[in-house]
Amino acid sequence: MTENLRESVSETFAAELRSFFALCIMNLVFGALALAFGMQFILTALLAMAGEENFGLFLFLKALAGWAAAVIGLRWILSSARILRGVGKIRRDYRALEGPGAGAVKAAPERPVPEGTGKEPVSGVSGAAPLTGDALTGLIIGMMAHYRENWKTIWRMNLLSIVGGCIFLALGMLNLIQGISALASGSVPGYPLFVQAGLTSGIGRSVLLSFLAAGLNLAIGLVSLLSSTWFRRFSRAWELRLIEAAHSEETLRKSMEQG
């Protein structure tokens, strides 16, 4: 593998790792949110039941829905964390080889050689090994193996990231509309809107919270959709590699049977 080709493959592999890592992090966030909302539903339903002698079916269904959301969120956190551990290990191995110390070579003192052996003194070499083509190939194979072993869970993670990103974008747009509506409802001719929405007024706090929520939700939604888009592009390449590897294994098996 030439130096230019190695650098190109290394950059692509680094982008694949970033997209995979971002996908795992976003799914951990979604799982934590589902767990938090589920616990909130359970607590509010239990408190309402405690205050009523004869609670209705709605409170029971609310508690049941909260329990289901909490269980799903916890299971999703555990599944995402398991995928993240595998990605994190490959990421750490890649950084160890690609880091600033990679390739650094230090000359160690010459080791003495007994006289009469006819050998020259040997210089020791210490330091981290550079990211060679073989090392990079090993990391790529490890990534493909991790993807093949967990492709069903990873496919669900990518789907959830898309759905969650759309939901957060919708929530962000709603928060943005609420903030703009609050500004318009408290407008006074002749004064700038940012002066009217001072922090000392109730409308100012409402506008500030609406825009902060809009920014947070829009940021989470965009990151989630972008990470799922990048990951889907890279996953197609991994699937092609797996198909080619399967064909090669089948061809080798047939040739060995014929031989």
Protein backbone atom coordinates (compact mmCIF):
# COMPACT_ATOMS: atom_id res chain seq x y z
CA MET A 1 0.00 0.00 0.00
CA THR A 2 1.51 3.32 -1.11
CA GLU A 3 1.75 6.28 1.25
CA ASN A 4 -0.92 8.32 -0.56
CA LEU A 5 -3.31 5.38 -0.66
CA ARG A 6 -2.69 4.65 3.01
CA GLU A 7 -3.46 8.26 3.97
CA SER A 8 -6.64 8.26 1.88
CA VAL A 9 -7.86 5.00 3.40
CA SER A 10 -6.92 6.24 6.88
CA GLU A 11 -8.95 9.44 6.46
CA THR A 12 -11.97 7.49 5.21
CA PHE A 13 -11.69 5.03 8.07
CA ALA A 14 -11.47 7.90 10.58
CA ALA A 15 -14.68 9.38 9.13
CA GLU A 16 -16.38 5.98 9.42
CA LEU A 17 -15.36 5.76 13.06
CA ARG A 18 -16.68 9.26 13.78
CA SER A 19 -20.05 8.51 12.20
CA PHE A 20 -20.33 5.18 14.04
CA PHE A 21 -19.37 6.82 17.35
CA ALA A 22 -21.87 9.67 16.86
CA LEU A 23 -24.63 7.18 16.05
CA CYS A 24 -23.97 5.31 19.31
CA ILE A 25 -23.93 8.52 21.35
CA MET A 26 -27.23 9.75 19.87
CA ASN A 27 -28.87 6.41 20.62
CA LEU A 28 -27.63 6.60 24.19
CA VAL A 29 -29.24 10.04 24.43
CA PHE A 30 -32.54 8.76 23.01
CA GLY A 31 -32.50 5.80 25.38
CA ALA A 32 -31.83 8.07 28.36
CA LEU A 33 -34.68 10.38 27.33
CA ALA A 34 -37.08 7.44 26.98
CA LEU A 35 -36.05 6.19 30.42
CA ALA A 36 -36.48 9.66 31.96
CA PHE A 37 -39.91 10.24 30.39
CA GLY A 38 -41.02 6.77 31.42
CA MET A 39 -40.01 7.37 35.03
CA GLN A 40 -41.79 10.73 34.95
CA PHE A 41 -45.01 9.12 33.72
CA ILE A 42 -44.78 6.43 36.39
CA LEU A 43 -44.20 8.92 39.22
CA THR A 44 -46.97 11.30 38.16
CA ALA A 45 -49.41 8.41 37.74
CA LEU A 46 -48.52 6.94 41.17
CA LEU A 47 -48.86 10.33 42.86
CA ALA A 48 -52.24 10.84 41.24
CA MET A 49 -53.35 7.36 42.30
CA ALA A 50 -52.26 8.03 45.88
CA GLY A 51 -54.45 11.14 46.00
CA GLU A 52 -57.55 9.36 44.72
CA GLU A 53 -59.44 6.52 46.29
CA ASN A 54 -60.83 5.25 43.00
CA PHE A 55 -58.40 5.98 40.23
CA GLY A 56 -59.55 5.58 36.66
CA LEU A 57 -58.27 3.57 33.73
CA PHE A 58 -56.35 6.56 32.36
CA LEU A 59 -53.91 6.66 35.28
CA PHE A 60 -53.33 2.92 35.03
CA LEU A 61 -52.62 3.18 31.29
CA LYS A 62 -50.34 6.16 31.92
CA ALA A 63 -48.32 4.18 34.47
CA LEU A 64 -48.21 1.18 32.13
CA ALA A 65 -47.00 3.35 29.25
CA GLY A 66 -44.35 4.89 31.50
CA TRP A 67 -43.17 1.45 32.59
CA ALA A 68 -42.93 0.31 28.96
CA ALA A 69 -40.99 3.45 27.98
CA ALA A 70 -38.60 3.03 30.92
CA VAL A 71 -37.94 -0.64 30.09
CA ILE A 72 -37.40 0.11 26.40
CA GLY A 73 -35.12 3.03 27.23
CA LEU A 74 -33.02 0.94 29.62
CA ARG A 75 -32.71 -1.94 27.17
CA TRP A 76 -31.75 0.48 24.40
CA ILE A 77 -29.11 2.09 26.59
CA LEU A 78 -27.58 -1.34 27.28
CA SER A 79 -27.66 -2.32 23.59
CA SER A 80 -26.15 0.99 22.47
CA ALA A 81 -23.48 0.79 25.17
CA ARG A 82 -22.50 -2.70 23.98
CA ILE A 83 -22.09 -1.44 20.41
CA LEU A 84 -20.23 1.61 21.69
CA ARG A 85 -17.72 -0.53 23.58
CA GLY A 86 -16.71 -2.31 20.39
CA VAL A 87 -16.44 0.95 18.45
CA GLY A 88 -14.53 2.58 21.30
CA LYS A 89 -11.96 -0.20 21.34
CA ILE A 90 -11.32 0.12 17.60
CA ARG A 91 -11.22 3.91 17.99
CA ARG A 92 -8.64 3.70 20.76
CA ASP A 93 -6.48 1.29 18.75
CA TYR A 94 -6.64 3.63 15.75
CA ARG A 95 -5.73 6.67 17.83
CA ALA A 96 -2.84 4.80 19.43
CA LEU A 97 -1.39 4.12 15.99
CA GLU A 98 -2.34 7.45 14.42
CA GLY A 99 -1.44 9.62 17.44
CA PRO A 100 1.40 12.15 17.60
CA GLY A 101 3.71 9.54 19.06
CA ALA A 102 3.11 7.08 16.27
CA GLY A 103 6.13 6.44 14.21
CA ALA A 104 8.43 8.15 16.68
CA VAL A 105 11.62 6.19 16.91
CA LYS A 106 14.19 6.54 19.65
CA ALA A 107 17.67 5.17 19.37
CA ALA A 108 18.61 2.92 22.27
CA PRO A 109 22.17 2.31 23.36
CA GLU A 110 24.11 -0.21 21.38
CA ARG A 111 24.06 -3.68 22.86
CA PRO A 112 27.52 -5.11 23.36
CA VAL A 113 28.41 -8.18 21.37
CA PRO A 114 30.97 -10.69 22.59
CA GLU A 115 34.25 -10.52 20.76
CA GLY A 116 34.99 -13.10 18.12
CA THR A 117 31.41 -13.60 17.00
CA GLY A 118 31.89 -11.57 13.83
CA LYS A 119 28.67 -9.62 14.46
CA GLU A 120 28.25 -5.88 14.50
CA PRO A 121 26.74 -4.06 17.51
CA VAL A 122 22.94 -3.88 17.24
CA SER A 123 21.14 -0.59 17.87
CA GLY A 124 17.90 -0.93 19.85
CA VAL A 125 14.73 0.75 18.68
CA SER A 126 11.90 1.85 20.94
CA GLY A 127 8.70 3.80 20.41
CA ALA A 128 5.20 3.35 18.98
CA ALA A 129 4.78 1.56 15.70
CA PRO A 130 3.53 3.63 12.76
CA LEU A 131 0.13 3.09 11.18
CA THR A 132 1.16 0.71 8.45
CA GLY A 133 -1.06 -0.67 5.73
CA ASP A 134 -1.29 -4.03 7.50
CA ALA A 135 -2.32 -2.38 10.79
CA LEU A 136 -4.96 -0.30 9.02
CA THR A 137 -6.28 -3.39 7.23
CA GLY A 138 -6.57 -5.16 10.57
CA LEU A 139 -8.63 -2.27 12.00
CA ILE A 140 -10.93 -2.28 8.96
CA ILE A 141 -11.46 -6.03 9.30
CA GLY A 142 -12.25 -5.55 12.98
CA MET A 143 -14.81 -2.87 12.13
CA MET A 144 -16.45 -5.08 9.51
CA ALA A 145 -16.60 -8.01 11.95
CA HIS A 146 -18.21 -5.80 14.60
CA TYR A 147 -20.75 -4.56 12.06
CA ARG A 148 -21.54 -8.09 10.84
CA GLU A 149 -22.08 -9.44 14.34
CA ASN A 150 -24.44 -6.61 15.36
CA TRP A 151 -25.97 -5.47 12.08
CA LYS A 152 -29.59 -5.91 13.23
CA THR A 153 -29.11 -3.75 16.32
CA ILE A 154 -27.08 -1.22 14.32
CA TRP A 155 -29.81 -1.03 11.67
CA ARG A 156 -32.40 -0.30 14.39
CA MET A 157 -30.08 2.31 15.89
CA ASN A 158 -29.81 4.08 12.55
CA LEU A 159 -33.59 3.99 12.08
CA LEU A 160 -34.17 5.35 15.58
CA SER A 161 -31.64 8.10 14.95
CA ILE A 162 -33.57 9.21 11.86
CA VAL A 163 -36.95 9.12 13.63
CA GLY A 164 -35.56 10.85 16.71
CA GLY A 165 -33.86 13.52 14.60
CA CYS A 166 -37.14 14.31 12.84
CA ILE A 167 -38.98 14.52 16.17
CA PHE A 168 -36.40 16.88 17.65
CA LEU A 169 -36.46 19.05 14.53
CA ALA A 170 -40.26 19.27 14.79
CA LEU A 171 -40.01 20.18 18.48
CA GLY A 172 -37.40 22.81 17.69
CA MET A 173 -39.60 24.39 15.04
CA LEU A 174 -42.53 24.45 17.48
CA ASN A 175 -40.36 26.13 20.12
CA LEU A 176 -39.19 28.65 17.54
CA ILE A 177 -42.77 29.44 16.52
CA GLN A 178 -43.74 29.84 20.18
CA GLY A 179 -40.90 32.28 20.76
CA ILE A 180 -41.75 34.34 17.71
CA SER A 181 -45.42 34.37 18.70
CA ALA A 182 -44.53 35.52 22.21
CA LEU A 183 -42.44 38.35 20.78
CA ALA A 184 -45.23 39.40 18.45
CA SER A 185 -47.87 39.35 21.20
CA GLY A 186 -45.83 41.69 23.39
CA SER A 187 -44.66 44.06 20.68
CA VAL A 188 -44.93 47.85 21.19
CA PRO A 189 -44.52 50.21 18.21
CA GLY A 190 -41.33 52.22 18.30
CA TYR A 191 -39.26 49.82 20.47
CA PRO A 192 -36.95 47.03 19.34
CA LEU A 193 -38.15 43.51 20.06
CA PHE A 194 -35.08 42.61 22.11
CA VAL A 195 -35.78 45.58 24.41
CA GLN A 196 -39.42 44.59 24.82
CA ALA A 197 -38.39 41.03 25.71
CA GLY A 198 -36.28 42.11 28.69
CA LEU A 199 -35.37 39.47 31.21
CA THR A 200 -37.30 41.31 33.94
CA SER A 201 -40.64 40.70 32.21
CA GLY A 202 -42.60 37.46 32.11
CA ILE A 203 -42.73 37.51 28.33
CA GLY A 204 -38.96 37.93 28.22
CA ARG A 205 -38.42 34.74 30.21
CA SER A 206 -40.91 32.88 28.05
CA VAL A 207 -39.22 34.05 24.85
CA LEU A 208 -35.77 33.20 26.20
CA LEU A 209 -36.81 29.68 27.23
CA SER A 210 -38.55 29.12 23.89
CA PHE A 211 -35.49 30.11 21.88
CA LEU A 212 -33.13 28.12 24.12
CA ALA A 213 -35.32 25.04 23.73
CA ALA A 214 -35.52 25.64 19.98
CA GLY A 215 -31.74 25.86 19.67
CA LEU A 216 -31.18 22.71 21.74
CA ASN A 217 -33.82 20.64 19.93
CA LEU A 218 -32.73 21.82 16.47
CA ALA A 219 -29.07 21.06 17.27
CA ILE A 220 -29.88 17.53 18.51
CA GLY A 221 -32.11 16.90 15.50
CA LEU A 222 -29.54 18.08 12.97
CA VAL A 223 -26.69 16.11 14.58
CA SER A 224 -28.86 12.99 14.70
CA LEU A 225 -29.92 13.23 11.05
CA LEU A 226 -26.41 14.07 9.83
CA SER A 227 -24.80 11.22 11.78
CA SER A 228 -27.38 8.73 10.48
CA THR A 229 -26.88 9.99 6.91
CA TRP A 230 -23.10 9.66 7.10
CA PHE A 231 -23.35 6.28 8.76
CA ARG A 232 -25.80 5.00 6.14
CA ARG A 233 -23.36 5.97 3.41
CA PHE A 234 -20.47 4.16 5.11
CA SER A 235 -22.61 1.14 6.03
CA ARG A 236 -23.35 0.58 2.33
CA ALA A 237 -19.61 0.33 1.73
CA TRP A 238 -19.26 -2.14 4.62
CA GLU A 239 -22.10 -4.26 3.24
CA LEU A 240 -20.41 -4.36 -0.17
CA ARG A 241 -17.17 -5.45 1.50
CA LEU A 242 -18.99 -8.20 3.38
CA ILE A 243 -20.67 -9.39 0.19
CA GLU A 244 -17.33 -9.49 -1.62
CA ALA A 245 -15.75 -11.34 1.31
CA ALA A 246 -18.60 -13.87 1.31
CA HIS A 247 -18.18 -14.42 -2.43
CA SER A 248 -14.44 -14.91 -1.98
CA GLU A 249 -15.00 -17.42 0.81
CA GLU A 250 -17.54 -19.31 -1.31
CA THR A 251 -15.17 -19.38 -4.28
CA LEU A 252 -12.34 -20.63 -2.09
CA ARG A 253 -14.55 -23.33 -0.59
CA LYS A 254 -15.64 -24.57 -4.03
CA SER A 255 -12.07 -24.62 -5.32
CA MET A 256 -10.93 -26.60 -2.29
CA GLU A 257 -13.78 -29.11 -2.74
CA GLN A 258 -12.91 -29.57 -6.42
CA GLY A 259 -9.24 -29.97 -5.59
